Amino acid sequence: MAKKEPVIIAGLEEAGRGAVIGPLVVAGVAVPLKDVHKLKRLGVRDSKELASGRREKLAEKIENIANIVVLKVGPCKIDNYRKQGINLNRIEAMKFAEIIGLLNPHKAYIDCPDVNHSKFGLFMKKMVGDEVELFVEHKAENKYPVVAAASIIAKVERDSEIEKLKKKYGDFGPGYPSNSVTMKWLREWLEKNRDFPEGVVRKSWITSGMVKGEREQKNIMSFFRKIAGR
């Protein structure tokens, strides 16, 4: 009698979705269904709830018991996609589908980036097909250990990429528009340079355009002040 094939489940999550600096990192973690308890035993949970050191230790342990795929979408690639009319939800869906194809699970659990999870789920289904059972939910990392594990892997990988960039471009904080260090760095960079560095800043982001607009307005005001002072 042929041995029954184990059921493989995968969890998919991203890090850096809303960042203005650095890559979007999408990760997939796959384990046999019978081994999910191993992830639970590790204490995996939403990466945002964990200190960086704890995330790194958990990532190493996850790698020992799971198959992992990580895809990184850099700022230039994101900008090019957006020029083609491909928004961030579609970008994520494309990368999720690519990871599912590589991991080849029976079931895939996805943290939904779209407000409408049904719409996103149907879009994913068109790309993945019927061979994989999809579960697309908001806050999936709080419900499924495989998604929590994927969130940890994605966050650790993005943090690693951010640290590499900081060594070259200085401390710009976490790279999110809501962070004062990040916004200060963006403004100061444009004070000294004509444009943001390629492959570092998402130039198609509203935040980037706003900072550039501020700089241009400042230059115009400076020009008129010089004329008035003549």
Protein backbone atom coordinates (compact mmCIF):
# COMPACT_ATOMS: atom_id res chain seq x y z
CA MET A 1 0.00 0.00 0.00
CA ALA A 2 1.38 3.40 -1.01
CA LYS A 3 2.31 5.74 1.79
CA LYS A 4 -0.10 8.64 2.12
CA GLU A 5 1.42 12.00 1.16
CA PRO A 6 1.55 14.42 4.12
CA VAL A 7 -0.61 17.52 3.91
CA ILE A 8 1.60 20.60 3.49
CA ILE A 9 0.33 23.97 4.67
CA ALA A 10 1.89 27.36 3.98
CA GLY A 11 1.62 30.76 5.56
CA LEU A 12 2.34 33.99 3.66
CA GLU A 13 2.99 37.47 4.98
CA GLU A 14 4.87 40.67 4.08
CA ALA A 15 6.98 43.35 5.73
CA GLY A 16 7.54 46.89 4.52
CA ARG A 17 4.28 47.38 2.69
CA GLY A 18 3.77 51.00 3.73
CA ALA A 19 7.42 52.01 3.90
CA VAL A 20 8.78 54.84 1.77
CA ILE A 21 12.35 53.54 2.14
CA GLY A 22 13.57 50.03 1.45
CA PRO A 23 12.08 46.90 -0.09
CA LEU A 24 8.79 45.13 0.28
CA VAL A 25 9.64 41.66 1.59
CA VAL A 26 7.21 38.79 1.07
CA ALA A 27 7.79 35.48 2.82
CA GLY A 28 6.27 32.03 2.72
CA VAL A 29 6.69 29.30 5.33
CA ALA A 30 5.57 25.72 4.66
CA VAL A 31 5.38 22.75 7.02
CA PRO A 32 3.57 19.42 7.10
CA LEU A 33 0.26 19.82 8.91
CA LYS A 34 1.46 17.35 11.54
CA ASP A 35 4.36 19.71 12.41
CA VAL A 36 2.33 22.86 13.07
CA HIS A 37 2.60 22.11 16.78
CA LYS A 38 6.35 22.68 16.48
CA LEU A 39 5.71 26.28 15.42
CA LYS A 40 3.26 26.72 18.27
CA ARG A 41 5.85 25.36 20.68
CA LEU A 42 8.36 27.96 19.48
CA GLY A 43 5.92 30.68 20.49
CA VAL A 44 5.59 32.31 17.06
CA ARG A 45 3.28 35.30 16.85
CA ASP A 46 2.89 38.55 14.94
CA SER A 47 6.42 39.88 14.35
CA LYS A 48 5.36 43.39 15.46
CA GLU A 49 4.80 42.04 18.95
CA LEU A 50 8.38 40.75 19.24
CA ALA A 51 11.67 42.48 19.98
CA SER A 52 14.23 42.30 17.16
CA GLY A 53 16.51 39.91 19.03
CA ARG A 54 13.64 37.54 19.73
CA ARG A 55 12.56 37.67 16.07
CA GLU A 56 16.04 36.75 14.89
CA LYS A 57 16.28 33.77 17.23
CA LEU A 58 12.83 32.56 16.19
CA ALA A 59 13.71 32.97 12.50
CA GLU A 60 16.67 30.61 12.93
CA LYS A 61 14.48 28.02 14.65
CA ILE A 62 11.75 28.35 12.00
CA GLU A 63 14.33 27.72 9.26
CA ASN A 64 15.22 24.42 10.95
CA ILE A 65 11.71 23.01 10.75
CA ALA A 66 10.13 24.63 7.68
CA ASN A 67 10.63 25.28 3.99
CA ILE A 68 11.00 29.00 3.41
CA VAL A 69 10.81 31.27 0.36
CA VAL A 70 11.57 34.99 0.56
CA LEU A 71 11.01 37.48 -2.26
CA LYS A 72 12.23 41.07 -2.12
CA VAL A 73 10.71 43.81 -4.24
CA GLY A 74 12.98 46.85 -4.28
CA PRO A 75 11.87 50.49 -4.52
CA CYS A 76 12.75 50.77 -8.24
CA LYS A 77 10.71 47.66 -9.05
CA ILE A 78 7.77 48.95 -7.03
CA ASP A 79 7.95 52.28 -8.86
CA ASN A 80 8.04 50.51 -12.23
CA TYR A 81 5.03 48.38 -11.33
CA ARG A 82 3.09 51.47 -10.30
CA LYS A 83 3.96 53.20 -13.59
CA GLN A 84 2.30 50.24 -15.30
CA GLY A 85 -0.83 50.72 -13.19
CA ILE A 86 -0.09 47.79 -10.89
CA ASN A 87 -0.92 48.80 -7.33
CA LEU A 88 0.59 47.42 -4.14
CA ASN A 89 -2.22 44.91 -3.56
CA ARG A 90 -1.59 43.42 -7.00
CA ILE A 91 2.15 43.36 -6.44
CA GLU A 92 1.66 41.43 -3.22
CA ALA A 93 -0.80 39.05 -4.85
CA MET A 94 1.68 38.33 -7.65
CA LYS A 95 4.44 37.59 -5.14
CA PHE A 96 2.16 35.46 -2.98
CA ALA A 97 1.24 33.41 -6.05
CA GLU A 98 4.90 33.03 -6.98
CA ILE A 99 5.76 31.77 -3.51
CA ILE A 100 2.84 29.34 -3.48
CA GLY A 101 4.07 27.97 -6.79
CA LEU A 102 7.52 27.40 -5.30
CA LEU A 103 6.34 25.86 -2.02
CA ASN A 104 3.56 23.82 -3.65
CA PRO A 105 1.40 23.40 -0.52
CA HIS A 106 -2.01 21.78 -0.28
CA LYS A 107 -3.33 24.72 1.73
CA ALA A 108 -2.12 28.31 1.91
CA TYR A 109 -3.03 30.85 4.58
CA ILE A 110 -2.56 34.48 3.55
CA ASP A 111 -2.71 37.68 5.55
CA CYS A 112 -4.93 39.85 3.36
CA PRO A 113 -3.56 43.31 2.46
CA ASP A 114 -6.83 44.44 0.87
CA VAL A 115 -9.77 45.90 2.80
CA ASN A 116 -11.98 43.53 0.79
CA HIS A 117 -10.63 40.07 1.56
CA SER A 118 -13.18 38.36 -0.70
CA LYS A 119 -12.04 40.39 -3.70
CA PHE A 120 -8.39 39.72 -2.95
CA GLY A 121 -9.12 36.03 -2.42
CA LEU A 122 -10.81 35.73 -5.83
CA PHE A 123 -7.87 37.48 -7.49
CA MET A 124 -5.45 35.08 -5.79
CA LYS A 125 -7.57 32.10 -6.84
CA LYS A 126 -7.32 33.13 -10.50
CA MET A 127 -3.55 33.13 -10.31
CA VAL A 128 -3.09 30.02 -8.18
CA GLY A 129 -5.83 27.78 -9.58
CA ASP A 130 -7.83 25.08 -7.84
CA GLU A 131 -5.02 22.78 -6.75
CA VAL A 132 -4.26 24.85 -3.64
CA GLU A 133 -6.92 25.58 -1.03
CA LEU A 134 -6.65 29.26 -0.11
CA PHE A 135 -7.57 30.97 3.16
CA VAL A 136 -7.35 34.75 2.84
CA GLU A 137 -8.05 36.62 6.06
CA HIS A 138 -7.27 39.86 7.82
CA LYS A 139 -4.91 39.52 10.80
CA ALA A 140 -4.17 35.93 9.80
CA GLU A 141 -0.87 36.12 11.69
CA ASN A 142 -2.89 36.17 14.93
CA LYS A 143 -4.78 33.01 14.02
CA TYR A 144 -2.42 30.73 12.09
CA PRO A 145 1.09 29.83 13.33
CA VAL A 146 2.39 29.42 9.76
CA VAL A 147 1.41 33.00 8.96
CA ALA A 148 2.97 34.26 12.19
CA ALA A 149 6.15 32.40 11.24
CA ALA A 150 6.10 34.01 7.80
CA SER A 151 5.66 37.45 9.37
CA ILE A 152 8.78 36.85 11.48
CA ILE A 153 10.85 35.73 8.50
CA ALA A 154 9.69 38.70 6.41
CA LYS A 155 10.42 41.20 9.16
CA VAL A 156 13.89 39.81 9.90
CA GLU A 157 14.78 39.86 6.19
CA ARG A 158 13.56 43.43 5.76
CA ASP A 159 15.42 44.57 8.87
CA SER A 160 18.59 43.04 7.44
CA GLU A 161 18.13 44.94 4.17
CA ILE A 162 17.46 48.17 6.06
CA GLU A 163 20.65 47.82 8.09
CA LYS A 164 22.66 47.38 4.88
CA LEU A 165 21.18 50.59 3.49
CA LYS A 166 21.86 52.49 6.70
CA LYS A 167 25.54 51.63 6.54
CA LYS A 168 25.70 53.44 3.22
CA TYR A 169 23.15 56.22 3.61
CA GLY A 170 23.02 56.90 7.33
CA ASP A 171 20.29 56.41 9.91
CA PHE A 172 16.89 56.99 8.33
CA GLY A 173 14.89 55.22 11.03
CA PRO A 174 12.53 52.36 10.12
CA GLY A 175 11.71 53.85 6.71
CA TYR A 176 8.02 54.62 7.31
CA PRO A 177 6.33 57.99 6.65
CA SER A 178 4.92 58.04 10.18
CA ASN A 179 8.42 58.11 11.66
CA SER A 180 10.02 61.50 12.39
CA VAL A 181 13.57 60.21 11.85
CA THR A 182 12.63 58.91 8.41
CA MET A 183 10.95 62.17 7.41
CA LYS A 184 13.90 64.21 8.70
CA TRP A 185 16.31 62.09 6.65
CA LEU A 186 14.22 62.49 3.48
CA ARG A 187 14.17 66.27 3.83
CA GLU A 188 17.86 66.55 4.72
CA TRP A 189 18.85 64.31 1.82
CA LEU A 190 17.12 66.63 -0.64
CA GLU A 191 18.78 69.63 0.99
CA LYS A 192 22.13 68.20 -0.12
CA ASN A 193 21.18 66.27 -3.27
CA ARG A 194 19.03 66.84 -6.34
CA ASP A 195 17.12 63.59 -5.98
CA PHE A 196 16.66 60.58 -3.72
CA PRO A 197 19.15 57.70 -4.16
CA GLU A 198 18.12 55.02 -6.66
CA GLY A 199 17.00 51.74 -5.16
CA VAL A 200 16.52 53.23 -1.70
CA VAL A 201 13.44 55.47 -1.76
CA ARG A 202 10.10 54.65 -3.39
CA LYS A 203 9.82 57.72 -5.59
CA SER A 204 6.25 56.94 -6.62
CA TRP A 205 5.08 57.27 -3.00
CA ILE A 206 2.97 60.30 -2.03
CA THR A 207 5.43 60.98 0.78
CA SER A 208 8.37 61.27 -1.64
CA GLY A 209 6.42 63.64 -3.86
CA MET A 210 5.38 65.73 -0.88
CA VAL A 211 8.96 66.14 0.34
CA LYS A 212 10.11 67.01 -3.16
CA GLY A 213 7.29 69.55 -3.42
CA GLU A 214 8.35 71.13 -0.16
CA ARG A 215 11.91 71.41 -1.45
CA GLU A 216 10.81 72.95 -4.73
CA GLN A 217 8.58 75.44 -2.93
CA LYS A 218 11.45 76.37 -0.66
CA ASN A 219 13.71 76.95 -3.67
CA ILE A 220 11.07 79.15 -5.34
CA MET A 221 10.60 81.24 -2.21
CA SER A 222 14.37 81.59 -1.86
CA PHE A 223 14.60 82.75 -5.50
CA PHE A 224 11.95 85.44 -5.02
CA ARG A 225 13.54 86.63 -1.80
CA LYS A 226 16.81 87.10 -3.65
CA ILE A 227 15.04 89.11 -6.37
CA ALA A 228 13.24 91.24 -3.80
CA GLY A 229 16.52 91.93 -2.05
CA ARG A 230 18.22 93.32 -5.14
